[in-house]
């Protein structure tokens, strides 16, 4: 991974389940990880390995969803054997409703998310 998140960055995120009662569009995305057309938007974390956020893989907006992902898995990902996930160094925390990719808003649903694993 390029630009691994620091403990200072991780400590700024709410802990898991702390934003459960906040509407999806109002949840703040604190970190953005990117690789090609895949995006991981981190909203909460356990300050160890697990994030809760919104994931869009390979540009497939119809399959994008809220869920859990792990830092250890992102650290292992390599595209075409060499390109690694980037922790976006220019990311400014913002609500989900204010995130645009290629001029369009993220296709998330504004209903409360089911967090059962």
N, C-alpha and C. Protein backbone atom coordinates (compact mmCIF):
# COMPACT_ATOMS: atom_id res chain seq x y z
N UNK A 1 0.85 -1.18 0.00
CA UNK A 1 0.00 0.00 0.00
C UNK A 1 0.89 1.23 0.00
N UNK A 2 0.44 2.22 -0.72
CA UNK A 2 1.13 3.50 -0.77
C UNK A 2 0.48 4.43 0.25
N UNK A 3 1.30 5.03 1.12
CA UNK A 3 0.80 5.98 2.12
C UNK A 3 -0.10 5.28 3.16
N UNK A 4 0.44 4.34 3.88
CA UNK A 4 -0.31 3.61 4.91
C UNK A 4 -0.85 4.60 5.94
N UNK A 5 -2.13 4.45 6.35
CA UNK A 5 -2.70 5.39 7.32
C UNK A 5 -1.92 5.37 8.64
N UNK A 6 -1.73 6.54 9.20
CA UNK A 6 -1.04 6.66 10.48
C UNK A 6 -2.03 6.45 11.62
N UNK A 7 -1.52 6.22 12.82
CA UNK A 7 -2.40 6.10 13.99
C UNK A 7 -3.16 7.41 14.21
N UNK A 8 -2.52 8.52 13.91
CA UNK A 8 -3.20 9.82 14.04
C UNK A 8 -4.41 9.88 13.12
N UNK A 9 -4.26 9.42 11.88
CA UNK A 9 -5.40 9.39 10.95
C UNK A 9 -6.47 8.43 11.45
N UNK A 10 -6.06 7.25 11.87
CA UNK A 10 -7.03 6.25 12.33
C UNK A 10 -7.79 6.72 13.57
N UNK A 11 -7.11 7.41 14.47
CA UNK A 11 -7.76 7.89 15.69
C UNK A 11 -8.81 8.96 15.44
N UNK A 12 -8.80 9.56 14.26
CA UNK A 12 -9.81 10.58 13.91
C UNK A 12 -11.13 9.95 13.47
N UNK A 13 -11.10 8.67 13.13
CA UNK A 13 -12.34 8.00 12.69
C UNK A 13 -13.17 7.58 13.89
N UNK A 14 -14.50 7.65 13.76
CA UNK A 14 -15.35 7.09 14.81
C UNK A 14 -15.08 5.58 14.92
N UNK A 15 -15.30 5.03 16.08
CA UNK A 15 -15.15 3.58 16.29
C UNK A 15 -16.33 2.86 15.62
N UNK A 16 -16.16 1.57 15.42
CA UNK A 16 -17.23 0.77 14.79
C UNK A 16 -18.54 0.96 15.52
N UNK A 17 -19.59 1.15 14.76
CA UNK A 17 -20.98 1.32 15.21
C UNK A 17 -21.31 2.71 15.76
N UNK A 18 -20.34 3.60 15.88
CA UNK A 18 -20.63 4.92 16.44
C UNK A 18 -21.49 5.79 15.52
N UNK A 19 -21.51 5.52 14.22
CA UNK A 19 -22.33 6.33 13.31
C UNK A 19 -23.59 5.58 12.87
N UNK A 20 -23.89 4.53 13.57
CA UNK A 20 -25.02 3.67 13.18
C UNK A 20 -26.34 4.43 13.04
N UNK A 21 -26.55 5.45 13.86
CA UNK A 21 -27.81 6.19 13.83
C UNK A 21 -27.77 7.44 12.96
N UNK A 22 -26.70 7.58 12.19
CA UNK A 22 -26.58 8.71 11.27
C UNK A 22 -27.00 8.24 9.88
N UNK A 23 -27.81 9.04 9.21
CA UNK A 23 -28.28 8.68 7.87
C UNK A 23 -27.07 8.50 6.94
N UNK A 24 -27.17 7.59 6.01
CA UNK A 24 -26.07 7.25 5.11
C UNK A 24 -25.47 8.47 4.44
N UNK A 25 -26.31 9.36 3.92
CA UNK A 25 -25.78 10.50 3.18
C UNK A 25 -25.05 11.50 4.07
N UNK A 26 -25.28 11.43 5.39
CA UNK A 26 -24.63 12.34 6.34
C UNK A 26 -23.37 11.74 6.98
N UNK A 27 -23.14 10.46 6.77
CA UNK A 27 -21.94 9.82 7.34
C UNK A 27 -20.69 10.47 6.73
N UNK A 28 -19.70 10.74 7.57
CA UNK A 28 -18.47 11.38 7.11
C UNK A 28 -17.47 10.31 6.67
N UNK A 29 -16.94 10.48 5.48
CA UNK A 29 -15.89 9.61 4.97
C UNK A 29 -14.56 10.26 5.35
N UNK A 30 -13.81 9.58 6.20
CA UNK A 30 -12.56 10.13 6.73
C UNK A 30 -11.34 9.76 5.90
N UNK A 31 -11.35 8.57 5.30
CA UNK A 31 -10.23 8.12 4.48
C UNK A 31 -10.76 7.56 3.17
N UNK A 32 -9.98 7.72 2.12
CA UNK A 32 -10.33 7.21 0.80
C UNK A 32 -9.15 6.41 0.27
N UNK A 33 -9.39 5.14 0.02
CA UNK A 33 -8.39 4.26 -0.57
C UNK A 33 -8.79 4.01 -2.01
N UNK A 34 -7.82 4.00 -2.90
CA UNK A 34 -8.13 3.87 -4.32
C UNK A 34 -7.12 2.98 -5.03
N UNK A 35 -7.61 2.22 -5.98
CA UNK A 35 -6.77 1.43 -6.88
C UNK A 35 -7.52 1.31 -8.19
N UNK A 36 -7.00 1.98 -9.22
CA UNK A 36 -7.65 1.96 -10.52
C UNK A 36 -9.09 2.45 -10.38
N UNK A 37 -10.08 1.63 -10.70
CA UNK A 37 -11.48 2.04 -10.58
C UNK A 37 -12.15 1.51 -9.31
N UNK A 38 -11.36 1.06 -8.35
CA UNK A 38 -11.90 0.57 -7.08
C UNK A 38 -11.67 1.62 -5.99
N UNK A 39 -12.68 1.81 -5.17
CA UNK A 39 -12.62 2.81 -4.11
C UNK A 39 -13.15 2.22 -2.81
N UNK A 40 -12.44 2.49 -1.72
CA UNK A 40 -12.87 2.11 -0.39
C UNK A 40 -12.96 3.40 0.42
N UNK A 41 -14.17 3.73 0.88
CA UNK A 41 -14.41 4.96 1.63
C UNK A 41 -14.60 4.59 3.10
N UNK A 42 -13.66 4.98 3.95
CA UNK A 42 -13.67 4.57 5.36
C UNK A 42 -14.45 5.58 6.21
N UNK A 43 -15.46 5.06 6.92
CA UNK A 43 -16.32 5.88 7.78
C UNK A 43 -16.03 5.62 9.25
N UNK A 44 -15.80 4.37 9.60
CA UNK A 44 -15.51 3.97 10.98
C UNK A 44 -14.35 2.98 10.97
N UNK A 45 -13.71 2.81 12.12
CA UNK A 45 -12.68 1.77 12.23
C UNK A 45 -12.54 1.32 13.67
N UNK A 46 -11.85 0.20 13.83
CA UNK A 46 -11.56 -0.30 15.18
C UNK A 46 -10.16 0.09 15.62
N UNK A 47 -9.48 0.94 14.81
CA UNK A 47 -8.10 1.40 15.07
C UNK A 47 -7.10 0.25 15.07
N UNK A 48 -7.49 -0.85 14.51
CA UNK A 48 -6.59 -1.99 14.41
C UNK A 48 -6.52 -2.43 12.96
N UNK A 49 -7.59 -3.06 12.46
CA UNK A 49 -7.56 -3.61 11.11
C UNK A 49 -8.87 -3.45 10.36
N UNK A 50 -9.98 -3.29 11.06
CA UNK A 50 -11.30 -3.33 10.43
C UNK A 50 -11.88 -1.94 10.23
N UNK A 51 -12.38 -1.72 9.02
CA UNK A 51 -13.09 -0.49 8.67
C UNK A 51 -14.53 -0.81 8.32
N UNK A 52 -15.42 0.14 8.55
CA UNK A 52 -16.76 0.10 7.99
C UNK A 52 -16.83 1.28 7.05
N UNK A 53 -17.36 1.04 5.86
CA UNK A 53 -17.46 2.12 4.90
C UNK A 53 -18.21 1.70 3.66
N UNK A 54 -17.95 2.41 2.60
CA UNK A 54 -18.62 2.18 1.33
C UNK A 54 -17.58 1.70 0.33
N UNK A 55 -17.89 0.64 -0.39
CA UNK A 55 -16.92 0.03 -1.31
C UNK A 55 -17.50 -0.03 -2.71
N UNK A 56 -16.72 0.45 -3.66
CA UNK A 56 -17.06 0.40 -5.07
C UNK A 56 -15.89 -0.29 -5.77
N UNK A 57 -16.12 -1.47 -6.31
CA UNK A 57 -15.05 -2.25 -6.94
C UNK A 57 -15.15 -2.22 -8.46
N UNK A 58 -14.03 -2.01 -9.10
CA UNK A 58 -13.91 -2.06 -10.56
C UNK A 58 -14.86 -1.13 -11.30
N UNK A 59 -15.30 -0.07 -10.64
CA UNK A 59 -16.21 0.88 -11.27
C UNK A 59 -17.64 0.39 -11.39
N UNK A 60 -17.96 -0.75 -10.79
CA UNK A 60 -19.31 -1.33 -10.89
C UNK A 60 -20.23 -0.68 -9.87
N UNK A 61 -20.79 0.45 -10.23
CA UNK A 61 -21.63 1.22 -9.29
C UNK A 61 -22.87 0.45 -8.85
N UNK A 62 -23.40 -0.41 -9.71
CA UNK A 62 -24.61 -1.15 -9.34
C UNK A 62 -24.34 -2.17 -8.23
N UNK A 63 -23.09 -2.55 -8.03
CA UNK A 63 -22.75 -3.51 -6.98
C UNK A 63 -22.08 -2.86 -5.76
N UNK A 64 -21.93 -1.55 -5.78
CA UNK A 64 -21.30 -0.85 -4.65
C UNK A 64 -22.20 -0.96 -3.42
N UNK A 65 -21.55 -1.03 -2.24
CA UNK A 65 -22.35 -1.19 -1.03
C UNK A 65 -21.56 -0.82 0.23
N UNK A 66 -22.32 -0.60 1.31
CA UNK A 66 -21.72 -0.41 2.62
C UNK A 66 -21.30 -1.78 3.15
N UNK A 67 -20.19 -1.81 3.87
CA UNK A 67 -19.74 -3.06 4.44
C UNK A 67 -18.42 -2.90 5.16
N UNK A 68 -17.86 -4.02 5.55
CA UNK A 68 -16.60 -4.04 6.29
C UNK A 68 -15.46 -4.42 5.34
N UNK A 69 -14.30 -3.83 5.56
CA UNK A 69 -13.09 -4.22 4.84
C UNK A 69 -11.91 -4.06 5.79
N UNK A 70 -10.82 -4.75 5.47
CA UNK A 70 -9.70 -4.73 6.40
C UNK A 70 -8.47 -4.09 5.78
N UNK A 71 -7.73 -3.41 6.62
CA UNK A 71 -6.48 -2.79 6.21
C UNK A 71 -5.49 -3.86 5.76
N UNK A 72 -5.43 -4.97 6.47
CA UNK A 72 -4.49 -6.03 6.11
C UNK A 72 -4.75 -6.55 4.70
N UNK A 73 -6.01 -6.65 4.30
CA UNK A 73 -6.33 -7.09 2.94
C UNK A 73 -5.94 -6.04 1.92
N UNK A 74 -6.18 -4.76 2.23
CA UNK A 74 -5.79 -3.69 1.31
C UNK A 74 -4.27 -3.66 1.12
N UNK A 75 -3.54 -3.97 2.19
CA UNK A 75 -2.09 -3.98 2.11
C UNK A 75 -1.57 -5.05 1.15
N UNK A 76 -2.34 -6.13 0.99
CA UNK A 76 -1.91 -7.25 0.14
C UNK A 76 -2.30 -7.09 -1.33
N UNK A 77 -3.24 -6.21 -1.63
CA UNK A 77 -3.75 -6.09 -3.00
C UNK A 77 -2.69 -5.50 -3.92
N UNK A 78 -2.51 -6.16 -5.05
CA UNK A 78 -1.64 -5.65 -6.11
C UNK A 78 -2.35 -5.88 -7.44
N UNK A 79 -2.43 -4.84 -8.24
CA UNK A 79 -3.07 -4.91 -9.55
C UNK A 79 -1.98 -5.13 -10.59
N UNK A 80 -2.17 -6.14 -11.41
CA UNK A 80 -1.20 -6.52 -12.43
C UNK A 80 0.19 -6.76 -11.85
N UNK A 81 0.21 -7.21 -10.58
CA UNK A 81 1.45 -7.61 -9.95
C UNK A 81 2.30 -6.51 -9.33
N UNK A 82 1.93 -5.23 -9.55
CA UNK A 82 2.79 -4.18 -9.02
C UNK A 82 2.06 -2.94 -8.50
N UNK A 83 0.91 -2.60 -9.05
CA UNK A 83 0.19 -1.39 -8.64
C UNK A 83 -0.54 -1.65 -7.32
N UNK A 84 -0.31 -0.79 -6.33
CA UNK A 84 -0.86 -0.99 -4.99
C UNK A 84 -1.97 0.00 -4.67
N UNK A 85 -2.74 -0.33 -3.66
CA UNK A 85 -3.79 0.56 -3.16
C UNK A 85 -3.13 1.82 -2.61
N UNK A 86 -3.76 2.96 -2.88
CA UNK A 86 -3.27 4.24 -2.41
C UNK A 86 -4.22 4.81 -1.37
N UNK A 87 -3.68 5.20 -0.23
CA UNK A 87 -4.44 5.99 0.74
C UNK A 87 -4.33 7.42 0.23
N UNK A 88 -5.42 7.96 -0.28
CA UNK A 88 -5.46 9.25 -0.96
C UNK A 88 -4.91 10.37 -0.06
N UNK A 89 -3.72 10.90 -0.37
CA UNK A 89 -3.11 11.91 0.49
C UNK A 89 -3.79 13.28 0.39
N UNK A 90 -4.64 13.47 -0.60
CA UNK A 90 -5.32 14.75 -0.79
C UNK A 90 -6.77 14.73 -0.30
N UNK A 91 -7.18 13.60 0.28
CA UNK A 91 -8.56 13.44 0.73
C UNK A 91 -8.89 14.39 1.87
N UNK A 92 -10.03 15.05 1.77
CA UNK A 92 -10.55 15.91 2.83
C UNK A 92 -11.84 15.25 3.31
N UNK A 93 -11.96 14.96 4.62
CA UNK A 93 -13.19 14.32 5.11
C UNK A 93 -14.43 15.10 4.69
N UNK A 94 -15.44 14.34 4.26
CA UNK A 94 -16.69 14.95 3.79
C UNK A 94 -17.83 13.95 3.90
N UNK A 95 -19.08 14.46 3.92
CA UNK A 95 -20.24 13.56 3.98
C UNK A 95 -20.37 12.76 2.68
N UNK A 96 -20.96 11.59 2.78
CA UNK A 96 -21.20 10.75 1.61
C UNK A 96 -21.90 11.51 0.50
N UNK A 97 -22.85 12.37 0.86
CA UNK A 97 -23.63 13.07 -0.17
C UNK A 97 -22.78 14.02 -0.99
N UNK A 98 -21.59 14.36 -0.53
CA UNK A 98 -20.73 15.31 -1.24
C UNK A 98 -19.62 14.64 -2.03
N UNK A 99 -19.67 13.31 -2.18
CA UNK A 99 -18.62 12.59 -2.91
C UNK A 99 -19.08 12.36 -4.35
N UNK A 100 -18.23 12.79 -5.25
CA UNK A 100 -18.50 12.63 -6.67
C UNK A 100 -17.36 11.85 -7.31
N UNK A 101 -17.70 10.94 -8.20
CA UNK A 101 -16.71 10.24 -9.00
C UNK A 101 -17.06 10.49 -10.46
N UNK A 102 -16.13 11.03 -11.19
CA UNK A 102 -16.32 11.35 -12.60
C UNK A 102 -17.60 12.16 -12.79
N UNK A 103 -17.77 13.17 -11.93
CA UNK A 103 -18.88 14.10 -12.08
C UNK A 103 -20.23 13.63 -11.59
N UNK A 104 -20.30 12.42 -11.04
CA UNK A 104 -21.58 11.91 -10.55
C UNK A 104 -21.47 11.53 -9.09
N UNK A 105 -22.59 11.68 -8.37
CA UNK A 105 -22.63 11.28 -6.97
C UNK A 105 -22.51 9.76 -6.85
N UNK A 106 -22.01 9.33 -5.70
CA UNK A 106 -21.97 7.89 -5.44
C UNK A 106 -23.39 7.35 -5.40
N UNK A 107 -23.59 6.14 -5.92
CA UNK A 107 -24.94 5.56 -6.00
C UNK A 107 -25.35 4.82 -4.72
N UNK A 108 -25.24 5.47 -3.56
CA UNK A 108 -25.62 4.77 -2.33
C UNK A 108 -27.09 5.01 -2.04
N UNK A 109 -27.66 4.13 -1.25
CA UNK A 109 -29.07 4.26 -0.86
C UNK A 109 -29.13 5.00 0.46
N UNK A 110 -30.09 5.90 0.62
CA UNK A 110 -30.14 6.73 1.82
C UNK A 110 -30.85 6.05 2.99
N UNK A 111 -31.22 4.80 2.85
CA UNK A 111 -31.83 4.08 3.97
C UNK A 111 -30.75 3.65 4.95
N UNK A 112 -31.14 3.34 6.18
CA UNK A 112 -30.18 2.85 7.16
C UNK A 112 -29.62 1.52 6.68
N UNK A 113 -28.35 1.28 6.95
CA UNK A 113 -27.67 0.09 6.46
C UNK A 113 -27.74 -1.05 7.47
N UNK A 114 -27.94 -2.26 6.97
CA UNK A 114 -27.91 -3.46 7.80
C UNK A 114 -26.45 -3.83 8.02
N UNK A 115 -26.04 -3.94 9.27
CA UNK A 115 -24.64 -4.21 9.57
C UNK A 115 -24.37 -5.64 9.97
N UNK A 116 -25.31 -6.51 9.75
CA UNK A 116 -25.05 -7.91 10.10
C UNK A 116 -23.99 -8.45 9.15
N UNK A 117 -23.08 -9.24 9.69
CA UNK A 117 -21.99 -9.78 8.86
C UNK A 117 -22.36 -11.13 8.32
